[in-house]
Amino acid sequence: MTGSGRVAVTRTGGFAGIRKHGELTLGEDPRTSEVESLLGRIDLSALPAHDPKPDRFVYTFNVAGTEAVVREQDLTPELHQLSRLVLGG
């Protein structure tokens, strides 16, 4: 996906159960080119689904209305980088 659209990431769970959310609008945000590059290598519909593990994070990715829930242990390097960019760390 390129051009415009909203990209949001929510991280929940972990040992302390803290929720963190971030989002950006492509084309309006300085991170757009890096995010678009990552999105070109991510297929949200082809992600593995494994059982949750105690004290691990769960990530919800929403890209222009397409949503995927990914457990921490199932993050690809691209998803990990996307989450860092959108969540700010």
PDB file of N, CA and C in Angstrom:
ATOM      1  N   MET A   1       0.836  -1.174   0.000  1.00  0.00           N
ATOM      2  CA  MET A   1       0.000   0.000   0.000  1.00  0.00           C
ATOM      3  C   MET A   1       0.879   1.236   0.000  1.00  0.00           C
ATOM      4  N   THR A   2       0.629   2.145  -0.857  1.00  0.00           N
ATOM      5  CA  THR A   2       1.357   3.401  -0.884  1.00  0.00           C
ATOM      6  C   THR A   2       0.377   4.547  -1.026  1.00  0.00           C
ATOM      7  N   GLY A   3       0.886   5.760  -0.894  1.00  0.00           N
ATOM      8  CA  GLY A   3       0.020   6.919  -1.063  1.00  0.00           C
ATOM      9  C   GLY A   3      -0.491   7.431   0.253  1.00  0.00           C
ATOM     10  N   SER A   4      -1.794   7.310   0.481  1.00  0.00           N
ATOM     11  CA  SER A   4      -2.354   7.797   1.735  1.00  0.00           C
ATOM     12  C   SER A   4      -3.074   6.669   2.434  1.00  0.00           C
ATOM     13  N   GLY A   5      -3.250   6.812   3.700  1.00  0.00           N
ATOM     14  CA  GLY A   5      -3.924   5.820   4.511  1.00  0.00           C
ATOM     15  C   GLY A   5      -3.400   5.907   5.928  1.00  0.00           C
ATOM     16  N   ARG A   6      -4.102   5.299   6.819  1.00  0.00           N
ATOM     17  CA  ARG A   6      -3.733   5.323   8.229  1.00  0.00           C
ATOM     18  C   ARG A   6      -3.095   4.004   8.601  1.00  0.00           C
ATOM     19  N   VAL A   7      -2.015   4.073   9.352  1.00  0.00           N
ATOM     20  CA  VAL A   7      -1.348   2.900   9.889  1.00  0.00           C
ATOM     21  C   VAL A   7      -1.351   3.044  11.404  1.00  0.00           C
ATOM     22  N   ALA A   8      -1.914   2.054  12.083  1.00  0.00           N
ATOM     23  CA  ALA A   8      -1.982   2.095  13.544  1.00  0.00           C
ATOM     24  C   ALA A   8      -1.447   0.792  14.112  1.00  0.00           C
ATOM     25  N   VAL A   9      -0.787   0.903  15.254  1.00  0.00           N
ATOM     26  CA  VAL A   9      -0.272  -0.267  15.962  1.00  0.00           C
ATOM     27  C   VAL A   9      -0.646  -0.115  17.432  1.00  0.00           C
ATOM     28  N   THR A  10      -1.184  -1.192  18.002  1.00  0.00           N
ATOM     29  CA  THR A  10      -1.484  -1.237  19.426  1.00  0.00           C
ATOM     30  C   THR A  10      -0.771  -2.441  20.012  1.00  0.00           C
ATOM     31  N   ARG A  11      -0.039  -2.203  21.105  1.00  0.00           N
ATOM     32  CA  ARG A  11       0.651  -3.296  21.801  1.00  0.00           C
ATOM     33  C   ARG A  11       0.019  -3.446  23.179  1.00  0.00           C
ATOM     34  N   THR A  12      -0.402  -4.663  23.493  1.00  0.00           N
ATOM     35  CA  THR A  12      -1.004  -4.951  24.789  1.00  0.00           C
ATOM     36  C   THR A  12      -0.295  -6.143  25.412  1.00  0.00           C
ATOM     37  N   GLY A  13      -0.587  -6.361  26.679  1.00  0.00           N
ATOM     38  CA  GLY A  13      -0.046  -7.525  27.364  1.00  0.00           C
ATOM     39  C   GLY A  13       1.294  -7.237  28.003  1.00  0.00           C
ATOM     40  N   GLY A  14       2.143  -8.259  27.993  1.00  0.00           N
ATOM     41  CA  GLY A  14       3.413  -8.152  28.682  1.00  0.00           C
ATOM     42  C   GLY A  14       3.234  -8.379  30.168  1.00  0.00           C
ATOM     43  N   PHE A  15       4.316  -8.365  30.881  1.00  0.00           N
ATOM     44  CA  PHE A  15       4.300  -8.643  32.317  1.00  0.00           C
ATOM     45  C   PHE A  15       3.431  -7.646  33.077  1.00  0.00           C
ATOM     46  N   ALA A  16       3.523  -6.364  32.727  1.00  0.00           N
ATOM     47  CA  ALA A  16       2.773  -5.328  33.442  1.00  0.00           C
ATOM     48  C   ALA A  16       1.408  -5.044  32.835  1.00  0.00           C
ATOM     49  N   GLY A  17       1.121  -5.605  31.661  1.00  0.00           N
ATOM     50  CA  GLY A  17      -0.178  -5.402  31.029  1.00  0.00           C
ATOM     51  C   GLY A  17      -0.410  -3.986  30.518  1.00  0.00           C
ATOM     52  N   ILE A  18       0.661  -3.318  30.155  1.00  0.00           N
ATOM     53  CA  ILE A  18       0.555  -1.935  29.690  1.00  0.00           C
ATOM     54  C   ILE A  18       0.161  -1.901  28.216  1.00  0.00           C
ATOM     55  N   ARG A  19      -0.759  -0.977  27.889  1.00  0.00           N
ATOM     56  CA  ARG A  19      -1.229  -0.797  26.505  1.00  0.00           C
ATOM     57  C   ARG A  19      -0.534   0.417  25.919  1.00  0.00           C
ATOM     58  N   LYS A  20      -0.030   0.272  24.695  1.00  0.00           N
ATOM     59  CA  LYS A  20       0.599   1.384  23.992  1.00  0.00           C
ATOM     60  C   LYS A  20       0.017   1.443  22.586  1.00  0.00           C
ATOM     61  N   HIS A  21      -0.309   2.655  22.126  1.00  0.00           N
ATOM     62  CA  HIS A  21      -0.932   2.819  20.815  1.00  0.00           C
ATOM     63  C   HIS A  21      -0.246   3.960  20.078  1.00  0.00           C
ATOM     64  N   GLY A  22      -0.074   3.764  18.784  1.00  0.00           N
ATOM     65  CA  GLY A  22       0.465   4.822  17.937  1.00  0.00           C
ATOM     66  C   GLY A  22      -0.134   4.710  16.554  1.00  0.00           C
ATOM     67  N   GLU A  23      -0.179   5.833  15.852  1.00  0.00           N
ATOM     68  CA  GLU A  23      -0.684   5.803  14.483  1.00  0.00           C
ATOM     69  C   GLU A  23      -0.081   6.945  13.690  1.00  0.00           C
ATOM     70  N   LEU A  24      -0.142   6.800  12.373  1.00  0.00           N
ATOM     71  CA  LEU A  24       0.336   7.845  11.484  1.00  0.00           C
ATOM     72  C   LEU A  24      -0.479   7.806  10.207  1.00  0.00           C
ATOM     73  N   THR A  25      -0.457   8.916   9.499  1.00  0.00           N
ATOM     74  CA  THR A  25      -1.130   9.004   8.209  1.00  0.00           C
ATOM     75  C   THR A  25      -0.065   9.086   7.131  1.00  0.00           C
ATOM     76  N   LEU A  26      -0.076   8.105   6.234  1.00  0.00           N
ATOM     77  CA  LEU A  26       0.905   8.075   5.157  1.00  0.00           C
ATOM     78  C   LEU A  26       0.756   9.318   4.294  1.00  0.00           C
ATOM     79  N   GLY A  27       1.865   9.849   3.870  1.00  0.00           N
ATOM     80  CA  GLY A  27       1.865  11.045   3.044  1.00  0.00           C
ATOM     81  C   GLY A  27       1.934  12.326   3.858  1.00  0.00           C
ATOM     82  N   GLU A  28       1.556  12.243   5.134  1.00  0.00           N
ATOM     83  CA  GLU A  28       1.582  13.416   6.004  1.00  0.00           C
ATOM     84  C   GLU A  28       2.649  13.305   7.087  1.00  0.00           C
ATOM     85  N   ASP A  29       3.252  12.155   7.208  1.00  0.00           N
ATOM     86  CA  ASP A  29       4.191  11.886   8.289  1.00  0.00           C
ATOM     87  C   ASP A  29       5.595  11.700   7.720  1.00  0.00           C
ATOM     88  N   PRO A  30       6.620  12.208   8.386  1.00  0.00           N
ATOM     89  CA  PRO A  30       7.983  12.061   7.874  1.00  0.00           C
ATOM     90  C   PRO A  30       8.470  10.605   7.827  1.00  0.00           C
ATOM     91  N   ARG A  31       7.801   9.711   8.516  1.00  0.00           N
ATOM     92  CA  ARG A  31       8.177   8.285   8.488  1.00  0.00           C
ATOM     93  C   ARG A  31       7.571   7.540   7.309  1.00  0.00           C
ATOM     94  N   THR A  32       6.813   8.245   6.455  1.00  0.00           N
ATOM     95  CA  THR A  32       6.056   7.617   5.370  1.00  0.00           C
ATOM     96  C   THR A  32       6.912   6.721   4.490  1.00  0.00           C
ATOM     97  N   SER A  33       8.042   7.179   4.006  1.00  0.00           N
ATOM     98  CA  SER A  33       8.820   6.371   3.050  1.00  0.00           C
ATOM     99  C   SER A  33       9.298   5.072   3.673  1.00  0.00           C
ATOM    100  N   GLU A  34       9.751   5.100   4.922  1.00  0.00           N
ATOM    101  CA  GLU A  34      10.208   3.868   5.569  1.00  0.00           C
ATOM    102  C   GLU A  34       9.039   2.932   5.852  1.00  0.00           C
ATOM    103  N   VAL A  35       7.916   3.493   6.289  1.00  0.00           N
ATOM    104  CA  VAL A  35       6.731   2.670   6.562  1.00  0.00           C
ATOM    105  C   VAL A  35       6.222   2.036   5.271  1.00  0.00           C
ATOM    106  N   GLU A  36       6.161   2.795   4.180  1.00  0.00           N
ATOM    107  CA  GLU A  36       5.705   2.241   2.903  1.00  0.00           C
ATOM    108  C   GLU A  36       6.636   1.142   2.418  1.00  0.00           C
ATOM    109  N   SER A  37       7.933   1.308   2.617  1.00  0.00           N
ATOM    110  CA  SER A  37       8.888   0.265   2.234  1.00  0.00           C
ATOM    111  C   SER A  37       8.615  -1.026   3.006  1.00  0.00           C
ATOM    112  N   LEU A  38       8.376  -0.898   4.299  1.00  0.00           N
ATOM    113  CA  LEU A  38       8.065  -2.077   5.121  1.00  0.00           C
ATOM    114  C   LEU A  38       6.751  -2.710   4.697  1.00  0.00           C
ATOM    115  N   LEU A  39       5.734  -1.888   4.450  1.00  0.00           N
ATOM    116  CA  LEU A  39       4.428  -2.419   4.061  1.00  0.00           C
ATOM    117  C   LEU A  39       4.493  -3.177   2.738  1.00  0.00           C
ATOM    118  N   GLY A  40       5.411  -2.800   1.883  1.00  0.00           N
ATOM    119  CA  GLY A  40       5.590  -3.513   0.623  1.00  0.00           C
ATOM    120  C   GLY A  40       6.116  -4.928   0.801  1.00  0.00           C
ATOM    121  N   ARG A  41       6.655  -5.228   1.988  1.00  0.00           N
ATOM    122  CA  ARG A  41       7.209  -6.562   2.272  1.00  0.00           C
ATOM    123  C   ARG A  41       6.382  -7.333   3.290  1.00  0.00           C
ATOM    124  N   ILE A  42       5.235  -6.794   3.686  1.00  0.00           N
ATOM    125  CA  ILE A  42       4.387  -7.425   4.705  1.00  0.00           C
ATOM    126  C   ILE A  42       3.065  -7.844   4.080  1.00  0.00           C
ATOM    127  N   ASP A  43       2.682  -9.092   4.334  1.00  0.00           N
ATOM    128  CA  ASP A  43       1.363  -9.592   3.920  1.00  0.00           C
ATOM    129  C   ASP A  43       0.588  -9.917   5.193  1.00  0.00           C
ATOM    130  N   LEU A  44      -0.277  -9.016   5.606  1.00  0.00           N
ATOM    131  CA  LEU A  44      -1.011  -9.212   6.857  1.00  0.00           C
ATOM    132  C   LEU A  44      -1.900 -10.445   6.836  1.00  0.00           C
ATOM    133  N   SER A  45      -2.282 -10.907   5.657  1.00  0.00           N
ATOM    134  CA  SER A  45      -3.169 -12.074   5.578  1.00  0.00           C
ATOM    135  C   SER A  45      -2.411 -13.394   5.662  1.00  0.00           C
ATOM    136  N   ALA A  46      -1.089 -13.361   5.616  1.00  0.00           N
ATOM    137  CA  ALA A  46      -0.313 -14.601   5.592  1.00  0.00           C
ATOM    138  C   ALA A  46       0.524 -14.799   6.855  1.00  0.00           C
ATOM    139  N   LEU A  47       0.103 -14.218   7.959  1.00  0.00           N
ATOM    140  CA  LEU A  47       0.880 -14.321   9.187  1.00  0.00           C
ATOM    141  C   LEU A  47       0.506 -15.581   9.958  1.00  0.00           C
ATOM    142  N   PRO A  48       1.488 -16.215  10.593  1.00  0.00           N
ATOM    143  CA  PRO A  48       1.185 -17.418  11.370  1.00  0.00           C
ATOM    144  C   PRO A  48       0.402 -17.071  12.630  1.00  0.00           C
ATOM    145  N   ALA A  49      -0.350 -18.026  13.105  1.00  0.00           N
ATOM    146  CA  ALA A  49      -1.101 -17.844  14.351  1.00  0.00           C
ATOM    147  C   ALA A  49      -0.698 -18.945  15.324  1.00  0.00           C
ATOM    148  N   HIS A  50      -0.100 -18.556  16.407  1.00  0.00           N
ATOM    149  CA  HIS A  50       0.307 -19.507  17.435  1.00  0.00           C
ATOM    150  C   HIS A  50      -0.417 -19.182  18.736  1.00  0.00           C
ATOM    151  N   ASP A  51      -0.359 -20.117  19.652  1.00  0.00           N
ATOM    152  CA  ASP A  51      -0.994 -19.898  20.946  1.00  0.00           C
ATOM    153  C   ASP A  51      -0.273 -18.794  21.705  1.00  0.00           C
ATOM    154  N   PRO A  52      -1.013 -18.037  22.503  1.00  0.00           N
ATOM    155  CA  PRO A  52      -0.374 -16.986  23.297  1.00  0.00           C
ATOM    156  C   PRO A  52       0.580 -17.585  24.315  1.00  0.00           C
ATOM    157  N   LYS A  53       1.565 -16.807  24.694  1.00  0.00           N
ATOM    158  CA  LYS A  53       2.529 -17.223  25.717  1.00  0.00           C
ATOM    159  C   LYS A  53       2.415 -16.239  26.874  1.00  0.00           C
ATOM    160  N   PRO A  54       2.598 -16.720  28.090  1.00  0.00           N
ATOM    161  CA  PRO A  54       2.476 -15.829  29.246  1.00  0.00           C
ATOM    162  C   PRO A  54       3.469 -14.669  29.177  1.00  0.00           C
ATOM    163  N   ASP A  55       3.023 -13.515  29.626  1.00  0.00           N
ATOM    164  CA  ASP A  55       3.859 -12.321  29.763  1.00  0.00           C
ATOM    165  C   ASP A  55       4.479 -11.847  28.455  1.00  0.00           C
ATOM    166  N   ARG A  56       3.879 -12.170  27.324  1.00  0.00           N
ATOM    167  CA  ARG A  56       4.368 -11.691  26.026  1.00  0.00           C
ATOM    168  C   ARG A  56       3.381 -10.663  25.490  1.00  0.00           C
ATOM    169  N   PHE A  57       3.875  -9.818  24.607  1.00  0.00           N
ATOM    170  CA  PHE A  57       3.033  -8.791  24.011  1.00  0.00           C
ATOM    171  C   PHE A  57       2.192  -9.357  22.874  1.00  0.00           C
ATOM    172  N   VAL A  58       1.075  -8.687  22.622  1.00  0.00           N
ATOM    173  CA  VAL A  58       0.230  -8.950  21.471  1.00  0.00           C
ATOM    174  C   VAL A  58       0.102  -7.628  20.720  1.00  0.00           C
ATOM    175  N   TYR A  59       0.335  -7.666  19.416  1.00  0.00           N
ATOM    176  CA  TYR A  59       0.303  -6.468  18.579  1.00  0.00           C
ATOM    177  C   TYR A  59      -0.902  -6.524  17.657  1.00  0.00           C
ATOM    178  N   THR A  60      -1.610  -5.417  17.550  1.00  0.00           N
ATOM    179  CA  THR A  60      -2.680  -5.281  16.579  1.00  0.00           C
ATOM    180  C   THR A  60      -2.237  -4.237  15.566  1.00  0.00           C
ATOM    181  N   PHE A  61      -2.127  -4.669  14.318  1.00  0.00           N
ATOM    182  CA  PHE A  61      -1.741  -3.798  13.217  1.00  0.00           C
ATOM    183  C   PHE A  61      -2.982  -3.481  12.411  1.00  0.00           C
ATOM    184  N   ASN A  62      -3.202  -2.202  12.136  1.00  0.00           N
ATOM    185  CA  ASN A  62      -4.307  -1.787  11.289  1.00  0.00           C
ATOM    186  C   ASN A  62      -3.723  -0.923  10.184  1.00  0.00           C
ATOM    187  N   VAL A  63      -3.809  -1.432   8.964  1.00  0.00           N
ATOM    188  CA  VAL A  63      -3.257  -0.729   7.808  1.00  0.00           C
ATOM    189  C   VAL A  63      -4.404  -0.434   6.858  1.00  0.00           C
ATOM    190  N   ALA A  64      -4.801   0.829   6.814  1.00  0.00           N
ATOM    191  CA  ALA A  64      -5.878   1.283   5.926  1.00  0.00           C
ATOM    192  C   ALA A  64      -7.124   0.406   6.051  1.00  0.00           C
ATOM    193  N   GLY A  65      -7.477   0.038   7.295  1.00  0.00           N
ATOM    194  CA  GLY A  65      -8.682  -0.727   7.540  1.00  0.00           C
ATOM    195  C   GLY A  65      -8.502  -2.237   7.585  1.00  0.00           C
ATOM    196  N   THR A  66      -7.332  -2.739   7.185  1.00  0.00           N
ATOM    197  CA  THR A  66      -7.046  -4.173   7.282  1.00  0.00           C
ATOM    198  C   THR A  66      -6.342  -4.416   8.608  1.00  0.00           C
ATOM    199  N   GLU A  67      -6.909  -5.309   9.399  1.00  0.00           N
ATOM    200  CA  GLU A  67      -6.378  -5.539  10.745  1.00  0.00           C
ATOM    201  C   GLU A  67      -5.818  -6.942  10.890  1.00  0.00           C
ATOM    202  N   ALA A  68      -4.713  -7.035  11.638  1.00  0.00           N
ATOM    203  CA  ALA A  68      -4.116  -8.330  11.956  1.00  0.00           C
ATOM    204  C   ALA A  68      -3.627  -8.291  13.394  1.00  0.00           C
ATOM    205  N   VAL A  69      -3.861  -9.378  14.116  1.00  0.00           N
ATOM    206  CA  VAL A  69      -3.383  -9.518  15.483  1.00  0.00           C
ATOM    207  C   VAL A  69      -2.222 -10.511  15.454  1.00  0.00           C
ATOM    208  N   VAL A  70      -1.082 -10.076  15.988  1.00  0.00           N
ATOM    209  CA  VAL A  70       0.142 -10.881  15.913  1.00  0.00           C
ATOM    210  C   VAL A  70       0.752 -10.984  17.304  1.00  0.00           C
ATOM    211  N   ARG A  71       1.043 -12.192  17.700  1.00  0.00           N
ATOM    212  CA  ARG A  71       1.704 -12.416  18.983  1.00  0.00           C
ATOM    213  C   ARG A  71       3.180 -12.058  18.856  1.00  0.00           C
ATOM    214  N   GLU A  72       3.765 -11.613  19.948  1.00  0.00           N
ATOM    215  CA  GLU A  72       5.158 -11.153  19.941  1.00  0.00           C
ATOM    216  C   GLU A  72       6.105 -12.171  19.299  1.00  0.00           C
ATOM    217  N   GLN A  73       5.941 -13.430  19.614  1.00  0.00           N
ATOM    218  CA  GLN A  73       6.840 -14.458  19.095  1.00  0.00           C
ATOM    219  C   GLN A  73       6.667 -14.690  17.589  1.00  0.00           C
ATOM    220  N   ASP A  74       5.599 -14.149  17.009  1.00  0.00           N
ATOM    221  CA  ASP A  74       5.332 -14.332  15.583  1.00  0.00           C
ATOM    222  C   ASP A  74       5.685 -13.106  14.736  1.00  0.00           C
ATOM    223  N   LEU A  75       6.221 -12.069  15.363  1.00  0.00           N
ATOM    224  CA  LEU A  75       6.586 -10.872  14.608  1.00  0.00           C
ATOM    225  C   LEU A  75       7.711 -11.177  13.625  1.00  0.00           C
ATOM    226  N   THR A  76       7.520 -10.764  12.393  1.00  0.00           N
ATOM    227  CA  THR A  76       8.599 -10.835  11.414  1.00  0.00           C
ATOM    228  C   THR A  76       9.519  -9.635  11.671  1.00  0.00           C
ATOM    229  N   PRO A  77      10.722  -9.635  11.117  1.00  0.00           N
ATOM    230  CA  PRO A  77      11.582  -8.452  11.282  1.00  0.00           C
ATOM    231  C   PRO A  77      10.915  -7.169  10.768  1.00  0.00           C
ATOM    232  N   GLU A  78      10.155  -7.276   9.684  1.00  0.00           N
ATOM    233  CA  GLU A  78       9.465  -6.113   9.133  1.00  0.00           C
ATOM    234  C   GLU A  78       8.366  -5.604  10.075  1.00  0.00           C
ATOM    235  N   LEU A  79       7.595  -6.516  10.654  1.00  0.00           N
ATOM    236  CA  LEU A  79       6.560  -6.115  11.600  1.00  0.00           C
ATOM    237  C   LEU A  79       7.167  -5.516  12.855  1.00  0.00           C
ATOM    238  N   HIS A  80       8.269  -6.078  13.296  1.00  0.00           N
ATOM    239  CA  HIS A  80       8.956  -5.543  14.474  1.00  0.00           C
ATOM    240  C   HIS A  80       9.398  -4.101  14.212  1.00  0.00           C
ATOM    241  N   GLN A  81      10.000  -3.867  13.059  1.00  0.00           N
ATOM    242  CA  GLN A  81      10.440  -2.519  12.705  1.00  0.00           C
ATOM    243  C   GLN A  81       9.252  -1.564  12.545  1.00  0.00           C
ATOM    244  N   LEU A  82       8.182  -2.046  11.920  1.00  0.00           N
ATOM    245  CA  LEU A  82       6.975  -1.218  11.771  1.00  0.00           C
ATOM    246  C   LEU A  82       6.436  -0.819  13.130  1.00  0.00           C
ATOM    247  N   SER A  83       6.378  -1.764  14.064  1.00  0.00           N
ATOM    248  CA  SER A  83       5.870  -1.448  15.393  1.00  0.00           C
ATOM    249  C   SER A  83       6.762  -0.424  16.088  1.00  0.00           C
ATOM    250  N   ARG A  84       8.075  -0.542  15.928  1.00  0.00           N
ATOM    251  CA  ARG A  84       8.994   0.426  16.539  1.00  0.00           C
ATOM    252  C   ARG A  84       8.784   1.826  15.948  1.00  0.00           C
ATOM    253  N   LEU A  85       8.608   1.898  14.634  1.00  0.00           N
ATOM    254  CA  LEU A  85       8.395   3.192  14.009  1.00  0.00           C
ATOM    255  C   LEU A  85       7.102   3.861  14.458  1.00  0.00           C
ATOM    256  N   VAL A  86       6.026   3.089  14.473  1.00  0.00           N
ATOM    257  CA  VAL A  86       4.714   3.672  14.767  1.00  0.00           C
ATOM    258  C   VAL A  86       4.533   3.915  16.278  1.00  0.00           C
ATOM    259  N   LEU A  87       5.082   3.027  17.091  1.00  0.00           N
ATOM    260  CA  LEU A  87       4.932   3.191  18.534  1.00  0.00           C
ATOM    261  C   LEU A  87       5.979   4.128  19.125  1.00  0.00           C
ATOM    262  N   GLY A  88       6.999   4.432  18.349  1.00  0.00           N
ATOM    263  CA  GLY A  88       8.008   5.361  18.832  1.00  0.00           C
ATOM    264  C   GLY A  88       9.051   4.751  19.740  1.00  0.00           C
ATOM    265  N   GLY A  89       9.479   3.573  19.414  1.00  0.00           N
ATOM    266  CA  GLY A  89      10.559   3.010  20.231  1.00  0.00           C
ATOM    267  C   GLY A  89      10.530   1.569  20.186  1.00  0.00           C
TER     268      GLY A  89
END
